[in-house]
Amino acid sequence: MKRDKIIYSLSVEDIMTVIEGEGMRKLTQKELMKVIAEIPENIPWYDCILNSIQNVIKF
C-alpha cells in the first residue's frame, strides 16, 4: 500500500452536519475557515492510530 494513501478525511459537509445537529446558526465564511484551521489541532490522531493498532494486533 502506498505510504501517502489518505485513510480518513473530513469535509465541509461534515462540519455542516454537526452545526445542524447541534442547532447552531450557519457560520460565516470567515468562521468556517477558522473552524477548518482548528480541526487538525483537535484530532488526537496518534492515540486513534495506536488504539486501532492495539485493537487489531495483540502484542
PDB file of N, CA and C in Angstrom:
ATOM      1  N   MET A   1       0.850  -1.174   0.000  1.00  0.00           N
ATOM      2  CA  MET A   1       0.000   0.000   0.000  1.00  0.00           C
ATOM      3  C   MET A   1       0.899   1.242   0.000  1.00  0.00           C
ATOM      4  N   LYS A   2       0.483   2.248  -0.735  1.00  0.00           N
ATOM      5  CA  LYS A   2       1.257   3.493  -0.789  1.00  0.00           C
ATOM      6  C   LYS A   2       1.256   4.175   0.575  1.00  0.00           C
ATOM      7  N   ARG A   3       2.406   4.694   0.964  1.00  0.00           N
ATOM      8  CA  ARG A   3       2.547   5.348   2.269  1.00  0.00           C
ATOM      9  C   ARG A   3       1.762   6.664   2.354  1.00  0.00           C
ATOM     10  N   ASP A   4       1.493   7.299   1.217  1.00  0.00           N
ATOM     11  CA  ASP A   4       0.783   8.576   1.236  1.00  0.00           C
ATOM     12  C   ASP A   4      -0.727   8.429   0.999  1.00  0.00           C
ATOM     13  N   LYS A   5      -1.231   7.205   1.055  1.00  0.00           N
ATOM     14  CA  LYS A   5      -2.671   6.965   0.887  1.00  0.00           C
ATOM     15  C   LYS A   5      -3.439   7.637   2.017  1.00  0.00           C
ATOM     16  N   ILE A   6      -4.465   8.376   1.678  1.00  0.00           N
ATOM     17  CA  ILE A   6      -5.321   9.031   2.665  1.00  0.00           C
ATOM     18  C   ILE A   6      -6.227   7.978   3.282  1.00  0.00           C
ATOM     19  N   ILE A   7      -6.268   7.918   4.603  1.00  0.00           N
ATOM     20  CA  ILE A   7      -7.057   6.918   5.317  1.00  0.00           C
ATOM     21  C   ILE A   7      -8.421   7.473   5.713  1.00  0.00           C
ATOM     22  N   TYR A   8      -8.461   8.720   6.121  1.00  0.00           N
ATOM     23  CA  TYR A   8      -9.704   9.309   6.602  1.00  0.00           C
ATOM     24  C   TYR A   8      -9.654  10.805   6.310  1.00  0.00           C
ATOM     25  N   SER A   9     -10.776  11.356   5.946  1.00  0.00           N
ATOM     26  CA  SER A   9     -10.830  12.803   5.708  1.00  0.00           C
ATOM     27  C   SER A   9     -12.175  13.355   6.169  1.00  0.00           C
ATOM     28  N   LEU A  10     -12.198  14.640   6.405  1.00  0.00           N
ATOM     29  CA  LEU A  10     -13.420  15.345   6.779  1.00  0.00           C
ATOM     30  C   LEU A  10     -13.751  16.352   5.690  1.00  0.00           C
ATOM     31  N   SER A  11     -15.018  16.649   5.552  1.00  0.00           N
ATOM     32  CA  SER A  11     -15.452  17.601   4.535  1.00  0.00           C
ATOM     33  C   SER A  11     -16.211  18.759   5.181  1.00  0.00           C
ATOM     34  N   VAL A  12     -16.424  19.782   4.401  1.00  0.00           N
ATOM     35  CA  VAL A  12     -17.251  20.896   4.861  1.00  0.00           C
ATOM     36  C   VAL A  12     -18.654  20.381   5.180  1.00  0.00           C
ATOM     37  N   GLU A  13     -19.120  19.411   4.405  1.00  0.00           N
ATOM     38  CA  GLU A  13     -20.426  18.800   4.667  1.00  0.00           C
ATOM     39  C   GLU A  13     -20.473  18.207   6.073  1.00  0.00           C
ATOM     40  N   ASP A  14     -19.378  17.582   6.514  1.00  0.00           N
ATOM     41  CA  ASP A  14     -19.319  17.032   7.869  1.00  0.00           C
ATOM     42  C   ASP A  14     -19.470  18.133   8.915  1.00  0.00           C
ATOM     43  N   ILE A  15     -18.811  19.253   8.680  1.00  0.00           N
ATOM     44  CA  ILE A  15     -18.926  20.395   9.601  1.00  0.00           C
ATOM     45  C   ILE A  15     -20.367  20.891   9.644  1.00  0.00           C
ATOM     46  N   MET A  16     -20.976  21.010   8.469  1.00  0.00           N
ATOM     47  CA  MET A  16     -22.361  21.490   8.404  1.00  0.00           C
ATOM     48  C   MET A  16     -23.316  20.524   9.103  1.00  0.00           C
ATOM     49  N   THR A  17     -23.063  19.233   8.991  1.00  0.00           N
ATOM     50  CA  THR A  17     -23.896  18.235   9.662  1.00  0.00           C
ATOM     51  C   THR A  17     -23.844  18.423  11.172  1.00  0.00           C
ATOM     52  N   VAL A  18     -22.650  18.683  11.702  1.00  0.00           N
ATOM     53  CA  VAL A  18     -22.504  18.916  13.143  1.00  0.00           C
ATOM     54  C   VAL A  18     -23.227  20.202  13.550  1.00  0.00           C
ATOM     55  N   ILE A  19     -23.049  21.257  12.771  1.00  0.00           N
ATOM     56  CA  ILE A  19     -23.702  22.537  13.074  1.00  0.00           C
ATOM     57  C   ILE A  19     -25.224  22.356  13.113  1.00  0.00           C
ATOM     58  N   GLU A  20     -25.763  21.703  12.112  1.00  0.00           N
ATOM     59  CA  GLU A  20     -27.210  21.483  12.052  1.00  0.00           C
ATOM     60  C   GLU A  20     -27.675  20.567  13.173  1.00  0.00           C
ATOM     61  N   GLY A  21     -26.907  19.520  13.460  1.00  0.00           N
ATOM     62  CA  GLY A  21     -27.268  18.574  14.510  1.00  0.00           C
ATOM     63  C   GLY A  21     -27.280  19.200  15.892  1.00  0.00           C
ATOM     64  N   GLU A  22     -26.457  20.220  16.071  1.00  0.00           N
ATOM     65  CA  GLU A  22     -26.382  20.915  17.354  1.00  0.00           C
ATOM     66  C   GLU A  22     -27.294  22.135  17.417  1.00  0.00           C
ATOM     67  N   GLY A  23     -28.016  22.383  16.335  1.00  0.00           N
ATOM     68  CA  GLY A  23     -28.949  23.510  16.304  1.00  0.00           C
ATOM     69  C   GLY A  23     -28.260  24.865  16.285  1.00  0.00           C
ATOM     70  N   MET A  24     -27.055  24.913  15.757  1.00  0.00           N
ATOM     71  CA  MET A  24     -26.297  26.168  15.711  1.00  0.00           C
ATOM     72  C   MET A  24     -26.641  26.951  14.453  1.00  0.00           C
ATOM     73  N   ARG A  25     -26.321  28.205  14.483  1.00  0.00           N
ATOM     74  CA  ARG A  25     -26.566  29.055  13.317  1.00  0.00           C
ATOM     75  C   ARG A  25     -25.538  28.766  12.239  1.00  0.00           C
ATOM     76  N   LYS A  26     -25.856  29.137  11.018  1.00  0.00           N
ATOM     77  CA  LYS A  26     -24.939  28.954   9.902  1.00  0.00           C
ATOM     78  C   LYS A  26     -23.703  29.830  10.128  1.00  0.00           C
ATOM     79  N   LEU A  27     -22.531  29.279   9.857  1.00  0.00           N
ATOM     80  CA  LEU A  27     -21.292  30.024  10.035  1.00  0.00           C
ATOM     81  C   LEU A  27     -21.025  30.946   8.852  1.00  0.00           C
ATOM     82  N   THR A  28     -20.348  32.040   9.144  1.00  0.00           N
ATOM     83  CA  THR A  28     -19.876  32.889   8.052  1.00  0.00           C
ATOM     84  C   THR A  28     -18.688  32.187   7.400  1.00  0.00           C
ATOM     85  N   GLN A  29     -18.309  32.645   6.232  1.00  0.00           N
ATOM     86  CA  GLN A  29     -17.155  32.070   5.550  1.00  0.00           C
ATOM     87  C   GLN A  29     -15.898  32.202   6.409  1.00  0.00           C
ATOM     88  N   LYS A  30     -15.736  33.343   7.049  1.00  0.00           N
ATOM     89  CA  LYS A  30     -14.575  33.581   7.911  1.00  0.00           C
ATOM     90  C   LYS A  30     -14.578  32.619   9.107  1.00  0.00           C
ATOM     91  N   GLU A  31     -15.744  32.432   9.729  1.00  0.00           N
ATOM     92  CA  GLU A  31     -15.853  31.493  10.852  1.00  0.00           C
ATOM     93  C   GLU A  31     -15.559  30.070  10.404  1.00  0.00           C
ATOM     94  N   LEU A  32     -16.088  29.692   9.254  1.00  0.00           N
ATOM     95  CA  LEU A  32     -15.864  28.357   8.715  1.00  0.00           C
ATOM     96  C   LEU A  32     -14.376  28.110   8.487  1.00  0.00           C
ATOM     97  N   MET A  33     -13.671  29.077   7.940  1.00  0.00           N
ATOM     98  CA  MET A  33     -12.238  28.939   7.708  1.00  0.00           C
ATOM     99  C   MET A  33     -11.481  28.775   9.027  1.00  0.00           C
ATOM    100  N   LYS A  34     -11.913  29.484  10.063  1.00  0.00           N
ATOM    101  CA  LYS A  34     -11.281  29.349  11.377  1.00  0.00           C
ATOM    102  C   LYS A  34     -11.523  27.961  11.959  1.00  0.00           C
ATOM    103  N   VAL A  35     -12.745  27.452  11.799  1.00  0.00           N
ATOM    104  CA  VAL A  35     -13.068  26.105  12.283  1.00  0.00           C
ATOM    105  C   VAL A  35     -12.212  25.080  11.543  1.00  0.00           C
ATOM    106  N   ILE A  36     -12.106  25.214  10.231  1.00  0.00           N
ATOM    107  CA  ILE A  36     -11.305  24.287   9.428  1.00  0.00           C
ATOM    108  C   ILE A  36      -9.849  24.292   9.889  1.00  0.00           C
ATOM    109  N   ALA A  37      -9.319  25.460  10.177  1.00  0.00           N
ATOM    110  CA  ALA A  37      -7.938  25.567  10.627  1.00  0.00           C
ATOM    111  C   ALA A  37      -7.743  24.937  12.010  1.00  0.00           C
ATOM    112  N   GLU A  38      -8.764  24.947  12.824  1.00  0.00           N
ATOM    113  CA  GLU A  38      -8.707  24.440  14.200  1.00  0.00           C
ATOM    114  C   GLU A  38      -8.824  22.914  14.282  1.00  0.00           C
ATOM    115  N   ILE A  39      -9.520  22.307  13.349  1.00  0.00           N
ATOM    116  CA  ILE A  39      -9.813  20.870  13.419  1.00  0.00           C
ATOM    117  C   ILE A  39      -8.562  20.002  13.560  1.00  0.00           C
ATOM    118  N   PRO A  40      -7.526  20.173  12.758  1.00  0.00           N
ATOM    119  CA  PRO A  40      -6.355  19.295  12.908  1.00  0.00           C
ATOM    120  C   PRO A  40      -5.715  19.355  14.291  1.00  0.00           C
ATOM    121  N   GLU A  41      -5.835  20.486  14.951  1.00  0.00           N
ATOM    122  CA  GLU A  41      -5.266  20.639  16.287  1.00  0.00           C
ATOM    123  C   GLU A  41      -6.066  19.885  17.347  1.00  0.00           C
ATOM    124  N   ASN A  42      -7.276  19.496  17.012  1.00  0.00           N
ATOM    125  CA  ASN A  42      -8.167  18.848  17.978  1.00  0.00           C
ATOM    126  C   ASN A  42      -8.387  17.360  17.730  1.00  0.00           C
ATOM    127  N   ILE A  43      -7.742  16.825  16.722  1.00  0.00           N
ATOM    128  CA  ILE A  43      -7.890  15.397  16.443  1.00  0.00           C
ATOM    129  C   ILE A  43      -6.730  14.656  17.100  1.00  0.00           C
ATOM    130  N   PRO A  44      -7.037  13.788  18.039  1.00  0.00           N
ATOM    131  CA  PRO A  44      -5.972  13.018  18.688  1.00  0.00           C
ATOM    132  C   PRO A  44      -5.528  11.852  17.792  1.00  0.00           C
ATOM    133  N   TRP A  45      -4.940  12.191  16.649  1.00  0.00           N
ATOM    134  CA  TRP A  45      -4.636  11.197  15.624  1.00  0.00           C
ATOM    135  C   TRP A  45      -3.662  10.122  16.110  1.00  0.00           C
ATOM    136  N   TYR A  46      -2.680  10.483  16.911  1.00  0.00           N
ATOM    137  CA  TYR A  46      -1.710   9.490  17.381  1.00  0.00           C
ATOM    138  C   TYR A  46      -2.412   8.434  18.234  1.00  0.00           C
ATOM    139  N   ASP A  47      -3.213   8.890  19.179  1.00  0.00           N
ATOM    140  CA  ASP A  47      -3.938   7.957  20.049  1.00  0.00           C
ATOM    141  C   ASP A  47      -4.914   7.103  19.252  1.00  0.00           C
ATOM    142  N   CYS A  48      -5.566   7.685  18.282  1.00  0.00           N
ATOM    143  CA  CYS A  48      -6.505   6.949  17.435  1.00  0.00           C
ATOM    144  C   CYS A  48      -5.793   5.826  16.690  1.00  0.00           C
ATOM    145  N   ILE A  49      -4.636   6.138  16.124  1.00  0.00           N
ATOM    146  CA  ILE A  49      -3.872   5.124  15.397  1.00  0.00           C
ATOM    147  C   ILE A  49      -3.375   4.045  16.351  1.00  0.00           C
ATOM    148  N   LEU A  50      -2.801   4.449  17.473  1.00  0.00           N
ATOM    149  CA  LEU A  50      -2.285   3.487  18.440  1.00  0.00           C
ATOM    150  C   LEU A  50      -3.395   2.574  18.955  1.00  0.00           C
ATOM    151  N   ASN A  51      -4.542   3.141  19.293  1.00  0.00           N
ATOM    152  CA  ASN A  51      -5.668   2.333  19.774  1.00  0.00           C
ATOM    153  C   ASN A  51      -6.132   1.337  18.717  1.00  0.00           C
ATOM    154  N   SER A  52      -6.171   1.770  17.468  1.00  0.00           N
ATOM    155  CA  SER A  52      -6.593   0.885  16.390  1.00  0.00           C
ATOM    156  C   SER A  52      -5.599  -0.266  16.204  1.00  0.00           C
ATOM    157  N   ILE A  53      -4.324   0.049  16.274  1.00  0.00           N
ATOM    158  CA  ILE A  53      -3.292  -0.994  16.158  1.00  0.00           C
ATOM    159  C   ILE A  53      -3.435  -1.980  17.315  1.00  0.00           C
ATOM    160  N   GLN A  54      -3.591  -1.468  18.517  1.00  0.00           N
ATOM    161  CA  GLN A  54      -3.707  -2.337  19.694  1.00  0.00           C
ATOM    162  C   GLN A  54      -4.985  -3.180  19.667  1.00  0.00           C
ATOM    163  N   ASN A  55      -6.046  -2.686  19.069  1.00  0.00           N
ATOM    164  CA  ASN A  55      -7.294  -3.447  18.955  1.00  0.00           C
ATOM    165  C   ASN A  55      -7.170  -4.594  17.957  1.00  0.00           C
ATOM    166  N   VAL A  56      -6.305  -4.420  16.963  1.00  0.00           N
ATOM    167  CA  VAL A  56      -6.166  -5.415  15.908  1.00  0.00           C
ATOM    168  C   VAL A  56      -5.034  -6.404  16.189  1.00  0.00           C
ATOM    169  N   ILE A  57      -3.933  -5.879  16.690  1.00  0.00           N
ATOM    170  CA  ILE A  57      -2.741  -6.706  16.902  1.00  0.00           C
ATOM    171  C   ILE A  57      -2.483  -6.815  18.404  1.00  0.00           C
ATOM    172  N   LYS A  58      -2.487  -8.034  18.881  1.00  0.00           N
ATOM    173  CA  LYS A  58      -2.221  -8.269  20.300  1.00  0.00           C
ATOM    174  C   LYS A  58      -0.730  -8.484  20.493  1.00  0.00           C
ATOM    175  N   PHE A  59      -0.090  -7.604  21.224  1.00  0.00           N
ATOM    176  CA  PHE A  59       1.357  -7.717  21.480  1.00  0.00           C
ATOM    177  C   PHE A  59       1.620  -8.485  22.738  1.00  0.00           C
TER     178      PHE A  59
END
